[in-house]
Amino acid sequence: MTDNENSHKGGRPKSAKGKARTKTLSTRLTLAEWKTVMKRIADAGKKPSHFLRDLLLQGKVTAARTQEDRKQIRMLEGGCNNLNQLAKMAHQQGFPRTKEKITALLDEFNRIIARI
């Protein structure tokens, strides 16, 4: 082994030059201001640094998906798997035999999408 191979100790790779966030910005807040900001951060569902960076660079913050939204999306993903299985069954057994199951699943998709 060469010296270069022994010197690498693992860990996270370095960021590309110019991409690393090396500068910080700080401000002082009263306790009431800090609580107000922390509530807005929690409501957005983001980490404080992500929230503040979005606010400073874009002037607005879009809220992260809620836990309920993520659950609904997982249900859609599971339904897509079921739809693939029904499509395979329709090819094997014919569409008329699976039409009712497919339309029921599509109705469920529409209900989930309406909730999101």
Protein backbone atom coordinates (compact mmCIF):
# COMPACT_ATOMS: atom_id res chain seq x y z
CA MET A 1 0.00 0.00 0.00
CA THR A 2 1.08 3.55 -0.66
CA ASP A 3 0.97 6.40 1.82
CA ASN A 4 -2.11 7.91 0.10
CA GLU A 5 -4.14 4.73 0.61
CA ASN A 6 -3.28 4.59 4.32
CA SER A 7 -4.02 8.29 4.95
CA HIS A 8 -7.70 8.04 3.93
CA LYS A 9 -9.66 7.38 7.10
CA GLY A 10 -13.14 7.34 5.60
CA GLY A 11 -15.94 9.67 6.53
CA ARG A 12 -18.02 12.06 4.52
CA PRO A 13 -16.48 13.21 1.23
CA LYS A 14 -15.48 16.87 0.97
CA SER A 15 -17.91 19.20 -0.78
CA ALA A 16 -16.99 20.49 -4.22
CA LYS A 17 -15.02 23.72 -4.16
CA GLY A 18 -17.40 26.67 -3.90
CA LYS A 19 -20.33 24.46 -2.82
CA ALA A 20 -19.39 24.09 0.85
CA ARG A 21 -21.31 26.38 3.19
CA THR A 22 -18.52 27.97 5.14
CA LYS A 23 -20.04 31.32 6.12
CA THR A 24 -22.47 31.86 8.96
CA LEU A 25 -24.92 34.61 9.73
CA SER A 26 -26.24 35.23 13.22
CA THR A 27 -28.61 37.60 14.93
CA ARG A 28 -29.80 38.25 18.43
CA LEU A 29 -33.45 37.78 19.36
CA THR A 30 -35.53 38.37 22.44
CA LEU A 31 -37.08 35.31 24.00
CA ALA A 32 -40.48 36.20 22.51
CA GLU A 33 -38.99 36.68 19.03
CA TRP A 34 -37.09 33.41 19.31
CA LYS A 35 -40.26 31.53 20.33
CA THR A 36 -42.17 33.06 17.40
CA VAL A 37 -39.45 32.06 14.93
CA MET A 38 -39.18 28.55 16.37
CA LYS A 39 -42.96 28.10 16.10
CA ARG A 40 -42.88 29.12 12.43
CA ILE A 41 -39.99 26.70 11.83
CA ALA A 42 -41.88 23.87 13.52
CA ASP A 43 -45.05 24.68 11.55
CA ALA A 44 -43.05 24.48 8.30
CA GLY A 45 -41.66 21.09 9.32
CA LYS A 46 -38.09 22.03 8.47
CA LYS A 47 -34.78 22.31 10.25
CA PRO A 48 -33.92 25.83 11.42
CA SER A 49 -31.01 26.23 8.99
CA HIS A 50 -33.12 25.08 6.01
CA PHE A 51 -36.00 27.35 7.02
CA LEU A 52 -33.84 30.43 7.45
CA ARG A 53 -31.84 29.80 4.26
CA ASP A 54 -35.08 29.50 2.23
CA LEU A 55 -36.46 32.64 3.87
CA LEU A 56 -33.32 34.68 3.26
CA LEU A 57 -32.62 33.54 -0.30
CA GLN A 58 -36.16 33.18 -1.66
CA GLY A 59 -38.18 35.44 0.61
CA LYS A 60 -40.64 32.65 1.41
CA VAL A 61 -40.70 29.16 2.85
CA THR A 62 -42.70 26.28 1.46
CA ALA A 63 -43.75 23.85 4.15
CA ALA A 64 -42.36 20.34 4.09
CA ARG A 65 -44.81 17.50 3.61
CA THR A 66 -46.61 16.54 6.78
CA GLN A 67 -46.45 13.06 8.26
CA GLU A 68 -50.03 12.50 7.07
CA ASP A 69 -49.10 13.51 3.50
CA ARG A 70 -46.15 11.12 3.52
CA LYS A 71 -48.44 8.34 4.76
CA GLN A 72 -50.89 9.04 1.93
CA ILE A 73 -48.09 8.96 -0.63
CA ARG A 74 -46.91 5.57 0.70
CA MET A 75 -50.48 4.31 0.31
CA LEU A 76 -50.43 5.49 -3.33
CA GLU A 77 -47.15 3.68 -3.90
CA GLY A 78 -48.64 0.48 -2.49
CA GLY A 79 -51.70 0.95 -4.67
CA CYS A 80 -49.48 1.29 -7.74
CA ASN A 81 -48.00 -2.10 -6.94
CA ASN A 82 -51.53 -3.52 -6.72
CA LEU A 83 -52.41 -1.88 -10.03
CA ASN A 84 -49.45 -3.58 -11.69
CA GLN A 85 -50.61 -6.93 -10.32
CA LEU A 86 -54.15 -6.27 -11.58
CA ALA A 87 -52.83 -5.32 -15.03
CA LYS A 88 -50.93 -8.61 -15.18
CA MET A 89 -54.08 -10.47 -14.10
CA ALA A 90 -56.11 -8.62 -16.75
CA HIS A 91 -53.69 -9.78 -19.42
CA GLN A 92 -53.87 -13.36 -18.19
CA GLN A 93 -57.59 -13.67 -17.41
CA GLY A 94 -59.07 -10.91 -19.55
CA PHE A 95 -60.14 -7.40 -18.63
CA PRO A 96 -63.83 -8.13 -17.88
CA ARG A 97 -62.85 -10.32 -14.91
CA THR A 98 -60.65 -7.65 -13.33
CA LYS A 99 -62.54 -4.50 -14.34
CA GLU A 100 -64.34 -4.15 -10.99
CA LYS A 101 -61.12 -4.46 -8.96
CA ILE A 102 -59.29 -1.97 -11.17
CA THR A 103 -62.06 0.64 -11.01
CA ALA A 104 -62.26 0.24 -7.21
CA LEU A 105 -58.52 0.81 -6.94
CA LEU A 106 -58.68 3.88 -9.19
CA ASP A 107 -61.50 5.29 -7.03
CA GLU A 108 -59.27 4.80 -3.98
CA PHE A 109 -56.43 6.63 -5.78
CA ASN A 110 -58.76 9.56 -6.46
CA ARG A 111 -59.80 9.74 -2.78
CA ILE A 112 -56.18 9.71 -1.60
CA ILE A 113 -55.13 12.36 -4.11
CA ALA A 114 -58.04 14.57 -3.09
CA ARG A 115 -56.86 14.39 0.56
CA ILE A 116 -53.31 15.39 -0.36
